[in-house]
Amino acid sequence: SQRDVTLPVHEGCDTCGGSGVAKGSSRETCRQCGGQGVVISGGGFFQVRQTCPICNGEGTMIRNPCKDCNGSGRVRARRHIALKIPPGVDTGTRLRLSGKGESGVRGGPPGDLYVVLHVKPHPLFERQGEDLHCVVPVPFNIAALGGTIDVPTIDGFARLKLSVATPNGKVFRLRNKGIPSHDGYGRGDLHVRVVVEAPGRLSGSQKRLLKQVGEAIGPDCYPDITRQRELAEAFFERREALKK
């Protein structure tokens, strides 16, 4: 992708060319340190070297500073950058843009710009590394009888075939449908968890038909419900036996 970013930066002053000196003037050698940038005090074996307090260690001074930058050689500006984001980036990924940072001192070359990315949560996909997870609702009739459903991926819809009596919450893995690797090698998988959705907003005729279907289906068609009831009844019998 590409994002347009506007940043406040310091850029070289066009008036003085980054020197900080007004036109017609030049930097002068500091008289305090003689252009060394340091002053030495004491004598013999005990000498103390300190940064020159007059020129701040630069060795030169500006007597007539540029009015546009006040002698700093740089001015505040807003820079517009077209940031290209490669595939596979994640939160914390740092992009380096060479030469897009702050301008150097005294007309020196600009530095680099480092952009740290933050990936927003997505309402459809959940990311774990290079793998994606997605919840897909499925009509109860397709879950019971089997069929094909459309599964959203980052590349578009993919077809997923469900077998007869697909249980609620079953997870399918679609290989190479996840996030591309940041280094350009390989790709993650998409894990699809199907959730059986009960129909809503039924008309009167639809309710009657659904009731007929429910009455026609016996307990043998619901092995999990039958198993749970058997376990519950065994628990109740054991509880009553312990009371005696």
Protein backbone atom coordinates (compact mmCIF):
# COMPACT_ATOMS: atom_id res chain seq x y z
CA SER A 1 0.00 0.00 0.00
CA GLN A 2 0.98 3.65 0.00
CA ARG A 3 0.22 6.34 2.56
CA ASP A 4 0.76 10.08 2.27
CA VAL A 5 2.43 11.38 5.42
CA THR A 6 2.99 15.00 6.43
CA LEU A 7 5.79 15.63 8.93
CA PRO A 8 7.12 18.76 10.68
CA VAL A 9 10.89 18.86 10.04
CA HIS A 10 13.85 21.20 10.04
CA GLU A 11 15.08 21.96 6.54
CA GLY A 12 18.08 23.92 5.37
CA CYS A 13 17.54 27.66 5.13
CA ASP A 14 17.42 28.73 1.50
CA THR A 15 18.40 32.31 2.32
CA CYS A 16 21.79 31.49 3.83
CA GLY A 17 22.27 28.04 2.31
CA GLY A 18 22.34 26.46 5.75
CA SER A 19 25.34 28.48 6.99
CA GLY A 20 23.30 30.62 9.39
CA VAL A 21 25.19 33.74 8.28
CA ALA A 22 23.53 36.72 6.59
CA LYS A 23 24.46 37.46 3.00
CA GLY A 24 27.68 39.42 2.68
CA SER A 25 28.98 38.13 6.03
CA SER A 26 30.97 35.09 7.14
CA ARG A 27 31.64 33.17 10.32
CA GLU A 28 34.44 34.55 12.47
CA THR A 29 36.99 32.69 14.52
CA CYS A 30 36.11 32.65 18.21
CA ARG A 31 38.46 34.91 20.08
CA GLN A 32 37.96 33.09 23.36
CA CYS A 33 39.27 29.70 22.19
CA GLY A 34 41.11 30.72 19.05
CA GLY A 35 39.04 28.42 16.91
CA GLN A 36 39.82 25.28 18.99
CA GLY A 37 36.36 24.94 20.50
CA VAL A 38 37.83 24.31 23.97
CA VAL A 39 39.46 26.43 26.64
CA ILE A 40 42.25 25.21 28.92
CA SER A 41 42.61 26.38 32.46
CA GLY A 42 45.20 25.56 35.09
CA GLY A 43 48.83 24.68 34.51
CA GLY A 44 51.44 21.98 34.92
CA PHE A 45 50.03 18.52 35.38
CA PHE A 46 46.56 19.80 36.30
CA GLN A 47 44.94 21.20 33.20
CA VAL A 48 41.21 21.33 32.68
CA ARG A 49 39.77 21.30 29.18
CA GLN A 50 36.25 22.68 28.84
CA THR A 51 33.95 23.41 25.95
CA CYS A 52 34.23 27.03 24.99
CA PRO A 53 31.25 28.85 26.56
CA ILE A 54 31.31 31.55 23.87
CA CYS A 55 31.07 29.46 20.69
CA ASN A 56 29.73 26.26 22.33
CA GLY A 57 32.63 24.25 20.98
CA GLU A 58 32.19 25.22 17.33
CA GLY A 59 35.33 27.35 17.14
CA THR A 60 33.57 30.04 15.10
CA MET A 61 30.95 32.67 15.78
CA ILE A 62 28.27 34.45 13.83
CA ARG A 63 28.33 38.20 14.19
CA ASN A 64 25.62 38.86 11.62
CA PRO A 65 23.11 35.97 11.69
CA CYS A 66 20.58 35.24 8.96
CA LYS A 67 17.25 36.83 9.76
CA ASP A 68 15.19 33.97 8.37
CA CYS A 69 16.73 31.21 10.51
CA ASN A 70 18.24 33.34 13.33
CA GLY A 71 21.64 31.85 12.67
CA SER A 72 20.65 28.20 13.09
CA GLY A 73 20.91 27.42 9.36
CA ARG A 74 17.59 25.55 9.47
CA VAL A 75 13.93 26.54 9.37
CA ARG A 76 10.76 24.70 10.35
CA ALA A 77 8.79 23.25 7.44
CA ARG A 78 6.20 20.58 6.65
CA ARG A 79 7.31 17.79 4.35
CA HIS A 80 4.94 15.57 2.38
CA ILE A 81 6.15 11.99 1.91
CA ALA A 82 4.63 9.14 -0.10
CA LEU A 83 5.28 6.18 2.20
CA LYS A 84 5.35 2.81 0.44
CA ILE A 85 4.33 -0.01 2.76
CA PRO A 86 5.51 -3.49 1.70
CA PRO A 87 3.30 -6.56 2.24
CA GLY A 88 3.62 -8.58 5.43
CA VAL A 89 4.42 -5.73 7.83
CA ASP A 90 3.18 -5.95 11.41
CA THR A 91 2.91 -3.73 14.45
CA GLY A 92 6.42 -2.61 15.39
CA THR A 93 7.84 -2.93 11.87
CA ARG A 94 10.29 -0.10 11.25
CA LEU A 95 10.77 1.36 7.79
CA ARG A 96 13.88 3.39 6.96
CA LEU A 97 13.67 6.20 4.40
CA SER A 98 17.17 7.31 3.49
CA GLY A 99 17.69 11.06 3.23
CA LYS A 100 14.15 11.91 4.39
CA GLY A 101 15.05 13.01 7.92
CA GLU A 102 16.13 16.37 9.34
CA SER A 103 18.54 18.53 7.37
CA GLY A 104 22.14 18.51 8.52
CA VAL A 105 23.79 21.35 10.40
CA ARG A 106 25.55 24.05 8.33
CA GLY A 107 24.25 22.71 5.04
CA GLY A 108 25.17 19.09 5.81
CA PRO A 109 23.31 16.16 4.24
CA PRO A 110 19.91 15.22 5.71
CA GLY A 111 19.48 12.27 8.03
CA ASP A 112 17.18 9.28 7.66
CA LEU A 113 13.53 8.95 8.61
CA TYR A 114 12.41 5.90 10.58
CA VAL A 115 8.70 5.09 10.51
CA VAL A 116 7.32 2.65 13.07
CA LEU A 117 4.07 1.03 11.90
CA HIS A 118 1.00 0.15 13.94
CA VAL A 119 -1.52 -2.26 12.41
CA LYS A 120 -5.13 -1.56 13.37
CA PRO A 121 -7.41 -4.45 14.44
CA HIS A 122 -9.64 -5.75 11.67
CA PRO A 123 -13.35 -6.58 12.13
CA LEU A 124 -13.12 -9.68 9.91
CA PHE A 125 -9.63 -11.14 10.36
CA GLU A 126 -7.54 -11.76 13.45
CA ARG A 127 -3.81 -11.98 12.88
CA GLN A 128 -1.36 -14.26 14.67
CA GLY A 129 2.04 -13.89 13.08
CA GLU A 130 1.61 -14.73 9.42
CA ASP A 131 -1.57 -16.76 10.01
CA LEU A 132 -5.07 -15.33 9.89
CA HIS A 133 -8.17 -16.46 11.79
CA CYS A 134 -11.72 -15.86 10.65
CA VAL A 135 -15.18 -16.84 11.91
CA VAL A 136 -17.71 -17.74 9.19
CA PRO A 137 -21.41 -18.25 9.99
CA VAL A 138 -23.01 -21.22 8.23
CA PRO A 139 -26.75 -21.93 7.69
CA PHE A 140 -27.87 -24.92 9.75
CA ASN A 141 -29.13 -26.80 6.67
CA ILE A 142 -25.71 -26.67 4.98
CA ALA A 143 -24.01 -27.72 8.21
CA ALA A 144 -26.41 -30.68 8.45
CA LEU A 145 -26.53 -31.77 4.81
CA GLY A 146 -23.14 -30.57 3.63
CA GLY A 147 -22.42 -28.12 0.86
CA THR A 148 -20.13 -25.35 -0.32
CA ILE A 149 -19.77 -21.94 1.28
CA ASP A 150 -17.88 -18.75 0.38
CA VAL A 151 -15.05 -17.88 2.75
CA PRO A 152 -13.55 -14.35 2.76
CA THR A 153 -9.78 -14.13 2.33
CA ILE A 154 -7.48 -11.14 1.81
CA ASP A 155 -7.43 -12.06 -1.89
CA GLY A 156 -11.20 -12.41 -2.30
CA PHE A 157 -13.73 -15.17 -1.65
CA ALA A 158 -12.62 -18.81 -1.63
CA ARG A 159 -14.84 -21.89 -1.87
CA LEU A 160 -14.90 -24.26 1.10
CA LYS A 161 -16.68 -27.62 0.95
CA LEU A 162 -18.37 -28.83 4.14
CA SER A 163 -19.11 -32.47 4.82
CA VAL A 164 -22.39 -33.85 6.16
CA ALA A 165 -23.02 -33.05 9.84
CA THR A 166 -20.27 -30.46 10.14
CA PRO A 167 -20.07 -29.68 13.88
CA ASN A 168 -20.37 -26.16 15.20
CA GLY A 169 -16.98 -24.60 15.83
CA LYS A 170 -14.99 -26.85 13.50
CA VAL A 171 -11.82 -25.19 12.19
CA PHE A 172 -10.61 -25.56 8.60
CA ARG A 173 -7.18 -24.51 7.39
CA LEU A 174 -6.74 -22.91 3.99
CA ARG A 175 -3.07 -23.10 3.09
CA ASN A 176 -1.26 -20.04 1.75
CA LYS A 177 -4.27 -17.79 2.33
CA GLY A 178 -2.72 -15.83 5.17
CA ILE A 179 -0.27 -12.93 5.39
CA PRO A 180 2.72 -12.84 3.00
CA SER A 181 6.06 -13.10 4.76
CA HIS A 182 7.79 -9.74 5.25
CA ASP A 183 11.01 -11.13 3.75
CA GLY A 184 9.19 -12.23 0.60
CA TYR A 185 9.43 -15.98 1.24
CA GLY A 186 6.31 -18.03 1.90
CA ARG A 187 2.91 -17.14 3.23
CA GLY A 188 0.78 -17.98 6.24
CA ASP A 189 -2.48 -19.93 6.39
CA LEU A 190 -6.09 -18.91 6.98
CA HIS A 191 -7.88 -20.74 9.80
CA VAL A 192 -11.67 -20.70 9.33
CA ARG A 193 -13.95 -21.55 12.24
CA VAL A 194 -17.51 -22.26 11.15
CA VAL A 195 -20.37 -21.26 13.43
CA VAL A 196 -23.82 -22.72 12.77
CA GLU A 197 -26.39 -19.91 12.63
CA ALA A 198 -30.03 -20.51 13.48
CA PRO A 199 -32.51 -18.83 11.12
CA GLY A 200 -34.34 -15.74 12.34
CA ARG A 201 -37.28 -13.61 11.17
CA LEU A 202 -39.24 -16.63 9.99
CA SER A 203 -42.68 -16.33 8.48
CA GLY A 204 -45.60 -18.41 9.71
CA SER A 205 -45.26 -20.99 6.94
CA GLN A 206 -41.52 -21.25 7.50
CA LYS A 207 -42.03 -21.84 11.20
CA ARG A 208 -44.51 -24.61 10.49
CA LEU A 209 -42.15 -26.30 8.05
CA LEU A 210 -39.25 -26.04 10.46
CA LYS A 211 -41.40 -27.51 13.23
CA GLN A 212 -42.32 -30.44 11.00
CA VAL A 213 -38.64 -31.03 10.26
CA GLY A 214 -37.80 -30.96 13.96
CA GLU A 215 -40.58 -33.46 14.76
CA ALA A 216 -39.46 -35.75 11.93
CA ILE A 217 -35.87 -35.90 13.17
CA GLY A 218 -35.41 -38.37 15.99
CA PRO A 219 -32.94 -38.30 18.90
CA ASP A 220 -30.61 -40.64 17.02
CA CYS A 221 -29.77 -37.75 14.70
CA TYR A 222 -28.30 -35.78 17.62
CA PRO A 223 -25.54 -37.96 19.10
CA ASP A 224 -23.98 -35.15 21.15
CA ILE A 225 -27.31 -34.25 22.76
CA THR A 226 -28.00 -37.91 23.46
CA ARG A 227 -24.56 -38.41 24.96
CA GLN A 228 -24.90 -35.38 27.21
CA ARG A 229 -28.27 -36.55 28.48
CA GLU A 230 -26.88 -40.00 29.26
CA LEU A 231 -24.02 -38.48 31.22
CA ALA A 232 -26.40 -36.21 33.13
CA GLU A 233 -28.77 -39.07 34.01
CA ALA A 234 -25.82 -41.20 35.18
CA PHE A 235 -24.68 -38.33 37.37
CA PHE A 236 -28.14 -37.92 38.91
CA GLU A 237 -28.41 -41.67 39.63
CA ARG A 238 -25.00 -41.66 41.29
CA ARG A 239 -25.93 -38.63 43.38
CA GLU A 240 -29.12 -40.29 44.61
CA ALA A 241 -27.26 -43.49 45.40
CA LEU A 242 -24.77 -41.60 47.57
CA LYS A 243 -27.61 -40.10 49.62
CA LYS A 244 -28.82 -43.53 50.76
